[in-house]
Amino acid sequence: MTSTVTPDLTTLAQQTRAAARQLAILSLEDRDRAIKSIAQALEAASSEILAANQADCEAALAEGLASSLYGRLKLDATKLKGAIDGVRDVGRLPDPIGAVQIHRELDTDLVLKRIACPLGVVGVIFEARPDAVMQIASLAVKSGNGVILKCGKEAVRSCEALVKAIQSGLSAANIDPAVVRLLTTREETLALLRLDSEVDLIIPRGSNAFVRFVQENTRIPVLGHADGICHLYVDRHADISQAVAITVDSKTQYPSACNTIETLLVHESIASEFLPLAAAALREKGVELRGDDRTRQIIEAEPVTESDWSTEYSDLILSVKVVNSLQDAVNHINTYGSRHTEAIVTTDQATAAEFMAQVDAAGTFHNCSTRFADGFRYGFGAEVGISTQKLPPRGPVGLEGLVTYKYQLVGQGQIVATYSGKDAKPFTHRDLPL
């Protein structure tokens, strides 16, 4: 951490901070107008964006990019339209800036407020995820923040086309396009991580090794998760057909997503009935099954290894284990899970409640797919990332992850000496309406 930051990047970050300060004082109407303008610019540039992404995909295939990363890189017309719809959804969200969280009279004419405000400048470093550009840029504008985006080399053409359209939309709304910047080289990644005086938060989105690299190479606070090892537990009281459908969706709807299950746990009393049906449905989707000894007595599967339990495949591979009880399932999850999203299928409410209380994860689901762990599906409009840390924000992070707060105290000449010593005046500490 002793290398010198290049002056150029420092200057660019300072320009982004200055632009963000101007953005933060705009009205909600002006910020929402800018988001609408961004959506329109993205639509107008759709053909250029898709062509750029096609070029990225062709180059990635030629270089042998992993299938999990390729799935995240690919941006077809449907996915692009969905992302642009997500931009518009952000424009319909409540204003995250200026919300009064505390309004308290300390004494007559001495009033304290705690008010939500932007973070300032956010650095987002991601691998093959061009859709992240649209999500994060719209959330940044809505919350009055500047954002410095750093994409992976496999997505450079896509991200350049996207940022060009976003900056065009900002300019059309009379907002400094420096609010959204794009970096493209590895050297810039290292330089960005050293900008602790200019950048307020780093959000990494990518592989386990990538996120850990970011966490270990910056003094800037980091929001994110290193692993997405999610589980589905099929309880002895599960509805079989429901359990099969949830299993298939949780594994195959988007195999490279971080909220996809990597391990299926099945109660021993239901395993012989459930596993053959689940295995057939999964194989139809091309899933490779790896099972423990008890699983392989019921269905055909490759032998599972100890390392499989702690592997995020991000692919059509699923480890399967037969467990003796709910507690065995919970113990396995708390041992190998990444505190991301864990689910149970059961008709027994008490069992579900116990599972959801004991499992240590940002999301605990009952009778539904783990794929619902997503900012857009939660109604956040979009997400800046998913956090598995204990302190908030946790889970899919939307606008609340891009705001902090400040305390404002307004008085009429009061001094602390009045409230100290033998004849100290008491505080009223009376809460006022928000």
Protein backbone atom coordinates (compact mmCIF):
# COMPACT_ATOMS: atom_id res chain seq x y z
CA MET A 1 0.00 0.00 0.00
CA THR A 2 3.00 2.31 -0.39
CA SER A 3 2.79 2.96 -4.15
CA THR A 4 1.93 6.43 -5.33
CA VAL A 5 -1.51 7.04 -6.81
CA THR A 6 -1.34 8.46 -10.32
CA PRO A 7 -2.23 12.18 -10.27
CA ASP A 8 -4.62 11.73 -13.19
CA LEU A 9 -6.87 9.32 -11.34
CA THR A 10 -6.77 11.43 -8.19
CA THR A 11 -7.87 14.42 -10.24
CA LEU A 12 -10.65 12.45 -11.89
CA ALA A 13 -11.91 11.26 -8.50
CA GLN A 14 -11.86 14.83 -7.19
CA GLN A 15 -13.89 15.92 -10.20
CA THR A 16 -16.39 13.14 -9.51
CA ARG A 17 -16.66 14.26 -5.88
CA ALA A 18 -17.27 17.85 -6.94
CA ALA A 19 -19.94 16.73 -9.41
CA ALA A 20 -21.54 14.55 -6.73
CA ARG A 21 -21.79 17.49 -4.33
CA GLN A 22 -23.74 19.42 -6.95
CA LEU A 23 -25.95 16.42 -7.62
CA ALA A 24 -26.68 15.98 -3.91
CA ILE A 25 -28.27 19.43 -3.60
CA LEU A 26 -30.62 18.95 -6.55
CA SER A 27 -34.29 18.39 -5.90
CA LEU A 28 -35.82 14.93 -6.06
CA GLU A 29 -37.61 15.99 -9.24
CA ASP A 30 -34.32 16.93 -10.90
CA ARG A 31 -32.65 13.66 -9.91
CA ASP A 32 -35.64 11.62 -11.09
CA ARG A 33 -35.63 13.56 -14.35
CA ALA A 34 -31.99 12.62 -14.80
CA ILE A 35 -32.80 8.94 -14.23
CA LYS A 36 -35.55 9.11 -16.82
CA SER A 37 -33.10 10.75 -19.21
CA ILE A 38 -30.57 7.97 -18.59
CA ALA A 39 -33.20 5.32 -19.38
CA GLN A 40 -34.10 7.09 -22.62
CA ALA A 41 -30.43 7.38 -23.63
CA LEU A 42 -29.88 3.69 -22.94
CA GLU A 43 -32.86 2.80 -25.11
CA ALA A 44 -31.62 5.03 -27.89
CA ALA A 45 -28.21 3.36 -27.76
CA SER A 46 -29.53 -0.21 -27.43
CA SER A 47 -28.22 -1.39 -30.79
CA GLU A 48 -24.73 -0.03 -30.08
CA ILE A 49 -24.75 -1.55 -26.58
CA LEU A 50 -25.81 -4.99 -27.85
CA ALA A 51 -23.24 -4.89 -30.66
CA ALA A 52 -20.51 -4.02 -28.16
CA ASN A 53 -21.63 -6.85 -25.90
CA GLN A 54 -21.66 -9.27 -28.81
CA ALA A 55 -18.05 -8.33 -29.55
CA ASP A 56 -17.15 -8.87 -25.89
CA CYS A 57 -18.88 -12.27 -25.88
CA GLU A 58 -17.13 -13.42 -29.04
CA ALA A 59 -13.75 -12.40 -27.64
CA ALA A 60 -14.54 -14.09 -24.33
CA LEU A 61 -15.46 -17.36 -26.04
CA ALA A 62 -12.24 -17.24 -28.05
CA GLU A 63 -10.27 -16.80 -24.82
CA GLY A 64 -12.11 -19.63 -23.05
CA LEU A 65 -13.95 -17.55 -20.44
CA ALA A 66 -15.57 -19.72 -17.77
CA SER A 67 -19.22 -20.51 -18.44
CA SER A 68 -20.29 -18.90 -15.15
CA LEU A 69 -18.65 -15.61 -16.13
CA TYR A 70 -19.96 -15.84 -19.69
CA GLY A 71 -23.50 -16.09 -18.34
CA ARG A 72 -22.99 -12.85 -16.46
CA LEU A 73 -21.32 -11.15 -19.41
CA LYS A 74 -24.05 -11.91 -21.96
CA LEU A 75 -26.46 -9.00 -22.41
CA ASP A 76 -29.24 -9.83 -24.86
CA ALA A 77 -32.16 -7.58 -25.82
CA THR A 78 -34.42 -9.04 -23.12
CA LYS A 79 -31.84 -8.63 -20.37
CA LEU A 80 -31.05 -5.09 -21.52
CA LYS A 81 -34.73 -4.11 -21.57
CA GLY A 82 -35.15 -5.54 -18.05
CA ALA A 83 -32.17 -3.54 -16.83
CA ILE A 84 -33.53 -0.33 -18.36
CA ASP A 85 -36.90 -1.03 -16.72
CA GLY A 86 -34.95 -1.34 -13.47
CA VAL A 87 -33.45 2.11 -14.04
CA ARG A 88 -36.95 3.55 -14.37
CA ASP A 89 -38.03 1.70 -11.23
CA VAL A 90 -35.29 3.50 -9.30
CA GLY A 91 -36.80 6.80 -10.42
CA ARG A 92 -40.07 5.79 -8.75
CA LEU A 93 -38.52 5.05 -5.37
CA PRO A 94 -38.86 7.46 -2.41
CA ASP A 95 -36.16 10.07 -1.95
CA PRO A 96 -33.37 8.61 0.23
CA ILE A 97 -31.82 12.04 0.85
CA GLY A 98 -33.04 14.40 3.54
CA ALA A 99 -35.18 11.91 5.45
CA VAL A 100 -35.33 12.97 9.11
CA GLN A 101 -34.51 9.93 11.25
CA ILE A 102 -34.41 11.70 14.62
CA HIS A 103 -36.12 14.99 15.54
CA ARG A 104 -35.53 15.81 19.19
CA GLU A 105 -35.72 18.87 21.41
CA LEU A 106 -32.73 18.86 23.76
CA ASP A 107 -34.05 22.01 25.41
CA THR A 108 -36.23 24.92 24.42
CA ASP A 109 -34.93 26.30 21.10
CA LEU A 110 -32.19 23.65 20.95
CA VAL A 111 -33.28 21.07 18.38
CA LEU A 112 -31.41 18.05 17.08
CA LYS A 113 -32.05 16.29 13.76
CA ARG A 114 -30.45 13.23 12.23
CA ILE A 115 -30.77 13.50 8.46
CA ALA A 116 -29.98 11.02 5.69
CA CYS A 117 -27.31 12.23 3.26
CA PRO A 118 -25.20 10.78 0.42
CA LEU A 119 -21.94 8.95 1.05
CA GLY A 120 -20.07 10.98 -1.56
CA VAL A 121 -18.12 8.85 -4.04
CA VAL A 122 -18.55 5.09 -4.41
CA GLY A 123 -16.11 2.85 -6.25
CA VAL A 124 -17.62 -0.28 -7.78
CA ILE A 125 -15.29 -2.96 -9.14
CA PHE A 126 -16.88 -5.84 -11.01
CA GLU A 127 -15.98 -8.61 -13.40
CA ALA A 128 -18.24 -9.74 -16.26
CA ARG A 129 -21.40 -7.88 -15.22
CA PRO A 130 -22.30 -5.06 -17.62
CA ASP A 131 -25.84 -4.89 -16.21
CA ALA A 132 -24.27 -3.71 -12.93
CA VAL A 133 -23.36 -0.45 -14.70
CA MET A 134 -27.02 0.48 -15.17
CA GLN A 135 -28.14 -0.63 -11.73
CA ILE A 136 -25.44 1.19 -9.82
CA ALA A 137 -25.40 4.37 -11.92
CA SER A 138 -29.15 4.86 -11.44
CA LEU A 139 -28.94 4.19 -7.70
CA ALA A 140 -26.00 6.60 -7.41
CA VAL A 141 -27.87 9.41 -9.17
CA LYS A 142 -31.00 8.81 -7.08
CA SER A 143 -28.98 8.96 -3.84
CA GLY A 144 -26.87 11.97 -4.86
CA ASN A 145 -23.58 10.09 -5.09
CA GLY A 146 -20.78 10.00 -7.60
CA VAL A 147 -19.66 6.58 -8.81
CA ILE A 148 -16.40 5.32 -10.26
CA LEU A 149 -16.98 2.05 -12.08
CA LYS A 150 -14.16 -0.41 -12.84
CA CYS A 151 -15.14 -3.23 -15.17
CA GLY A 152 -13.34 -6.46 -16.01
CA LYS A 153 -11.36 -6.69 -19.24
CA GLU A 154 -13.92 -9.11 -20.70
CA ALA A 155 -16.67 -6.44 -20.52
CA VAL A 156 -14.82 -3.29 -21.59
CA ARG A 157 -16.67 -2.71 -24.88
CA SER A 158 -20.07 -3.26 -23.25
CA CYS A 159 -19.35 -1.00 -20.31
CA GLU A 160 -17.89 1.77 -22.48
CA ALA A 161 -21.07 1.76 -24.58
CA LEU A 162 -23.26 1.78 -21.47
CA VAL A 163 -21.37 4.58 -19.72
CA LYS A 164 -21.33 6.65 -22.91
CA ALA A 165 -25.15 6.41 -23.03
CA ILE A 166 -25.49 7.14 -19.29
CA GLN A 167 -23.27 10.20 -19.52
CA SER A 168 -25.27 11.37 -22.54
CA GLY A 169 -28.44 11.07 -20.46
CA LEU A 170 -26.86 13.02 -17.62
CA SER A 171 -25.74 15.79 -19.96
CA ALA A 172 -29.22 16.01 -21.43
CA ALA A 173 -30.53 16.53 -17.89
CA ASN A 174 -27.93 19.27 -17.27
CA ILE A 175 -25.96 17.16 -14.80
CA ASP A 176 -22.17 16.91 -14.93
CA PRO A 177 -21.40 13.53 -16.56
CA ALA A 178 -18.35 13.26 -14.27
CA VAL A 179 -20.85 11.88 -11.72
CA VAL A 180 -20.41 8.50 -13.47
CA ARG A 181 -16.92 7.42 -14.52
CA LEU A 182 -15.51 4.23 -15.99
CA LEU A 183 -12.07 2.67 -15.45
CA THR A 184 -10.90 -0.26 -17.57
CA THR A 185 -7.37 -1.36 -16.63
CA ARG A 186 -5.93 -3.46 -13.81
CA GLU A 187 -3.55 -0.62 -12.94
CA GLU A 188 -6.55 1.64 -12.39
CA THR A 189 -8.06 -0.95 -10.04
CA LEU A 190 -5.01 -0.82 -7.79
CA ALA A 191 -4.94 2.97 -7.95
CA LEU A 192 -8.66 3.20 -7.11
CA LEU A 193 -8.16 1.04 -4.02
CA ARG A 194 -5.60 3.55 -2.74
CA LEU A 195 -7.88 6.58 -3.07
CA ASP A 196 -9.04 6.48 0.55
CA SER A 197 -9.10 10.29 0.70
CA GLU A 198 -11.39 10.56 -2.35
CA VAL A 199 -13.56 7.42 -2.30
CA ASP A 200 -15.96 6.66 0.55
CA LEU A 201 -16.99 3.07 -0.17
CA ILE A 202 -15.79 0.20 -2.38
CA ILE A 203 -18.26 -2.40 -3.65
CA PRO A 204 -16.65 -5.44 -5.30
CA ARG A 205 -18.83 -7.78 -7.38
CA GLY A 206 -17.18 -10.95 -8.59
CA SER A 207 -15.52 -14.19 -7.56
CA ASN A 208 -14.47 -15.20 -4.06
CA ALA A 209 -10.79 -14.62 -4.85
CA PHE A 210 -11.53 -11.27 -6.46
CA VAL A 211 -13.55 -9.93 -3.52
CA ARG A 212 -10.92 -11.08 -1.04
CA PHE A 213 -8.24 -9.35 -3.09
CA VAL A 214 -10.19 -6.09 -2.87
CA GLN A 215 -10.79 -6.49 0.87
CA GLU A 216 -7.09 -7.09 1.51
CA ASN A 217 -5.77 -4.22 -0.62
CA THR A 218 -7.63 -1.12 0.49
CA ARG A 219 -8.22 1.08 3.53
CA ILE A 220 -11.58 2.14 2.09
CA PRO A 221 -14.63 0.45 3.68
CA VAL A 222 -15.78 -2.52 1.57
CA LEU A 223 -19.36 -3.69 1.14
CA GLY A 224 -19.85 -7.11 -0.38
CA HIS A 225 -19.61 -10.85 -0.08
CA ALA A 226 -16.81 -13.20 -0.99
CA ASP A 227 -18.88 -16.38 -1.41
CA GLY A 228 -22.37 -17.33 -2.53
CA ILE A 229 -22.70 -20.84 -1.11
CA CYS A 230 -26.44 -21.25 -0.66
CA HIS A 231 -28.42 -24.30 0.48
CA LEU A 232 -31.93 -25.71 0.15
CA TYR A 233 -33.16 -28.04 2.89
CA VAL A 234 -36.08 -30.34 2.02
CA ASP A 235 -37.71 -31.24 5.30
CA ARG A 236 -39.55 -34.47 6.05
CA HIS A 237 -42.82 -32.50 5.98
CA ALA A 238 -42.15 -30.98 2.55
CA ASP A 239 -44.71 -30.94 -0.25
CA ILE A 240 -42.85 -33.12 -2.78
CA SER A 241 -43.96 -31.40 -5.98
CA GLN A 242 -43.32 -27.99 -4.46
CA ALA A 243 -39.89 -29.08 -3.28
CA VAL A 244 -38.92 -30.34 -6.75
CA ALA A 245 -39.99 -27.09 -8.42
CA ILE A 246 -38.13 -24.96 -5.88
CA THR A 247 -35.00 -27.11 -6.18
CA VAL A 248 -34.94 -26.84 -9.97
CA ASP A 249 -35.52 -23.08 -9.94
CA SER A 250 -32.98 -22.44 -7.18
CA LYS A 251 -30.30 -24.30 -9.14
CA THR A 252 -31.04 -23.75 -12.82
CA GLN A 253 -32.91 -20.47 -13.29
CA TYR A 254 -29.56 -18.65 -13.48
CA PRO A 255 -26.74 -21.01 -12.47
CA SER A 256 -24.00 -18.36 -12.33
CA ALA A 257 -25.86 -16.11 -9.87
CA CYS A 258 -24.62 -15.83 -6.29
CA ASN A 259 -28.08 -16.72 -4.93
CA THR A 260 -28.14 -20.09 -6.71
CA ILE A 261 -28.00 -23.16 -4.46
CA GLU A 262 -24.81 -25.21 -4.43
CA THR A 263 -25.97 -27.87 -1.94
CA LEU A 264 -29.26 -29.71 -1.51
CA LEU A 265 -29.97 -31.19 1.93
CA VAL A 266 -32.73 -33.80 2.24
CA HIS A 267 -34.28 -35.30 5.36
CA GLU A 268 -33.74 -39.07 5.47
CA SER A 269 -37.44 -39.90 5.86
CA ILE A 270 -38.36 -38.21 2.57
CA ALA A 271 -35.19 -38.87 0.58
CA SER A 272 -36.27 -42.10 -1.16
CA GLU A 273 -39.45 -40.44 -2.44
CA PHE A 274 -38.09 -36.98 -3.25
CA LEU A 275 -34.60 -37.59 -4.65
CA PRO A 276 -35.54 -39.68 -7.74
CA LEU A 277 -38.06 -37.03 -8.82
CA ALA A 278 -35.69 -34.16 -8.13
CA ALA A 279 -32.79 -35.90 -9.85
CA ALA A 280 -34.84 -36.52 -13.01
CA ALA A 281 -35.99 -32.89 -13.14
CA LEU A 282 -32.47 -31.58 -12.54
CA ARG A 283 -30.91 -33.84 -15.16
CA GLU A 284 -33.41 -32.55 -17.71
CA LYS A 285 -31.81 -29.15 -17.12
CA GLY A 286 -28.30 -30.56 -17.51
CA VAL A 287 -27.33 -30.58 -13.83
CA GLU A 288 -24.47 -32.81 -12.69
CA LEU A 289 -25.23 -34.35 -9.29
CA ARG A 290 -22.63 -35.14 -6.64
CA GLY A 291 -23.88 -37.06 -3.63
CA ASP A 292 -22.82 -38.49 -0.30
CA ASP A 293 -23.02 -42.26 0.27
CA ARG A 294 -26.65 -42.22 1.39
CA THR A 295 -27.68 -40.15 -1.62
CA ARG A 296 -25.90 -42.53 -4.00
CA GLN A 297 -27.84 -45.45 -2.54
CA ILE A 298 -31.01 -43.77 -3.84
CA ILE A 299 -29.97 -42.03 -7.07
CA GLU A 300 -27.08 -42.06 -9.50
CA ALA A 301 -24.54 -39.37 -8.64
CA GLU A 302 -20.83 -38.73 -8.65
CA PRO A 303 -19.14 -39.12 -5.24
CA VAL A 304 -19.07 -35.87 -3.34
CA THR A 305 -15.82 -34.71 -1.70
CA GLU A 306 -15.28 -32.61 1.41
CA SER A 307 -14.24 -29.65 -0.74
CA ASP A 308 -17.56 -29.76 -2.62
CA TRP A 309 -19.44 -28.60 0.46
CA SER A 310 -17.47 -25.33 0.46
CA THR A 311 -17.40 -24.78 -3.31
CA GLU A 312 -19.37 -22.12 -5.16
CA TYR A 313 -19.79 -23.85 -8.52
CA SER A 314 -21.64 -21.03 -10.31
CA ASP A 315 -22.48 -23.78 -12.78
CA LEU A 316 -24.89 -26.68 -13.35
CA ILE A 317 -23.39 -28.79 -10.56
CA LEU A 318 -25.19 -29.62 -7.32
CA SER A 319 -23.97 -31.41 -4.20
CA VAL A 320 -26.57 -33.51 -2.36
CA LYS A 321 -26.59 -34.77 1.21
CA VAL A 322 -29.10 -36.83 3.18
CA VAL A 323 -29.40 -35.59 6.78
CA ASN A 324 -30.93 -37.15 9.89
CA SER A 325 -32.73 -34.10 11.20
CA LEU A 326 -33.43 -30.40 10.97
CA GLN A 327 -30.55 -29.78 13.39
CA ASP A 328 -28.16 -31.71 11.13
CA ALA A 329 -29.22 -29.49 8.22
CA VAL A 330 -28.78 -26.32 10.25
CA ASN A 331 -25.37 -27.44 11.48
CA HIS A 332 -24.23 -28.21 7.92
CA ILE A 333 -25.41 -24.82 6.67
CA ASN A 334 -23.81 -22.90 9.50
CA THR A 335 -20.56 -24.79 8.91
CA TYR A 336 -20.31 -24.46 5.13
CA GLY A 337 -22.66 -21.63 4.20
CA SER A 338 -21.51 -18.14 3.30
CA ARG A 339 -24.29 -16.29 5.18
CA HIS A 340 -25.90 -15.36 1.89
CA THR A 341 -29.31 -17.06 1.40
CA GLU A 342 -30.64 -20.33 2.80
CA ALA A 343 -34.06 -21.94 2.26
CA ILE A 344 -36.29 -24.66 3.69
CA VAL A 345 -39.22 -26.47 2.10
CA THR A 346 -41.71 -27.71 4.69
CA THR A 347 -45.40 -27.59 5.56
CA ASP A 348 -44.57 -27.53 9.28
CA GLN A 349 -44.58 -23.94 10.49
CA ALA A 350 -42.71 -24.70 13.72
CA THR A 351 -39.91 -26.39 11.80
CA ALA A 352 -39.71 -23.48 9.38
CA ALA A 353 -39.56 -20.98 12.24
CA GLU A 354 -36.79 -22.93 13.95
CA PHE A 355 -34.79 -23.16 10.71
CA MET A 356 -35.13 -19.44 9.99
CA ALA A 357 -34.14 -18.53 13.55
CA GLN A 358 -31.10 -20.83 13.77
CA VAL A 359 -29.59 -20.40 10.33
CA ASP A 360 -26.96 -17.67 10.18
CA ALA A 361 -27.56 -15.90 6.87
CA ALA A 362 -28.61 -12.55 5.45
CA GLY A 363 -31.67 -14.23 3.93
CA THR A 364 -33.67 -17.20 5.25
CA PHE A 365 -36.53 -18.35 3.01
CA HIS A 366 -39.47 -20.70 3.52
CA ASN A 367 -41.12 -22.51 0.62
CA CYS A 368 -39.63 -20.36 -2.14
CA SER A 369 -36.58 -20.20 -4.39
CA THR A 370 -33.32 -18.72 -3.20
CA ARG A 371 -33.27 -16.80 -6.50
CA PHE A 372 -35.63 -14.24 -4.93
CA ALA A 373 -32.64 -12.82 -3.02
CA ASP A 374 -32.27 -9.82 -5.29
CA GLY A 375 -32.67 -6.07 -4.90
CA PHE A 376 -35.01 -5.72 -7.87
CA ARG A 377 -37.23 -8.57 -6.65
CA TYR A 378 -37.26 -7.06 -3.16
CA GLY A 379 -38.66 -3.85 -4.62
CA PHE A 380 -35.41 -1.86 -4.23
CA GLY A 381 -35.49 -0.95 -7.94
CA ALA A 382 -31.98 -2.36 -8.29
CA GLU A 383 -29.07 -3.27 -6.05
CA VAL A 384 -25.51 -2.11 -5.63
CA GLY A 385 -24.54 -5.56 -4.39
CA ILE A 386 -25.23 -8.17 -1.75
CA SER A 387 -23.64 -7.99 1.67
CA THR A 388 -23.17 -11.00 3.94
CA GLN A 389 -21.59 -9.03 6.79
CA LYS A 390 -23.39 -8.84 10.12
CA LEU A 391 -23.56 -5.06 10.38
CA PRO A 392 -26.10 -3.31 8.16
CA PRO A 393 -26.69 -2.97 5.33
CA ARG A 394 -27.12 -6.73 4.89
CA GLY A 395 -28.44 -8.88 2.06
CA PRO A 396 -29.39 -7.22 -1.24
CA VAL A 397 -28.41 -3.58 -0.84
CA GLY A 398 -30.35 -0.82 -2.56
CA LEU A 399 -30.47 2.88 -1.91
CA GLU A 400 -29.98 2.48 1.85
CA GLY A 401 -26.46 1.23 1.20
CA LEU A 402 -25.53 4.50 -0.52
CA VAL A 403 -26.65 6.92 2.18
CA THR A 404 -25.34 7.73 5.61
CA TYR A 405 -26.54 10.42 8.00
CA LYS A 406 -25.43 13.57 9.71
CA TYR A 407 -26.53 15.30 12.90
CA GLN A 408 -27.78 18.86 12.67
CA LEU A 409 -28.18 20.88 15.88
CA VAL A 410 -29.82 24.31 15.84
CA GLY A 411 -29.85 26.55 18.88
CA GLN A 412 -30.20 30.14 20.04
CA GLY A 413 -26.80 30.77 21.63
CA GLN A 414 -26.84 27.88 24.12
CA ILE A 415 -23.54 26.80 25.70
CA VAL A 416 -22.67 23.50 27.42
CA ALA A 417 -21.68 25.27 30.67
CA THR A 418 -25.38 25.98 31.27
CA TYR A 419 -26.04 22.24 31.49
CA SER A 420 -23.01 21.37 33.68
CA GLY A 421 -22.01 21.74 37.29
CA LYS A 422 -23.93 22.30 40.53
CA ASP A 423 -26.71 24.44 39.06
CA ALA A 424 -26.94 22.57 35.76
CA LYS A 425 -30.07 23.11 33.74
CA PRO A 426 -31.76 19.78 32.81
CA PHE A 427 -32.30 18.71 29.22
CA THR A 428 -35.88 18.18 28.08
CA HIS A 429 -35.02 15.43 25.56
CA ARG A 430 -38.47 15.56 24.01
CA ASP A 431 -39.04 13.78 20.71
CA LEU A 432 -40.72 15.92 18.08
CA PRO A 433 -42.77 14.75 15.06
CA LEU A 434 -40.71 13.47 12.14
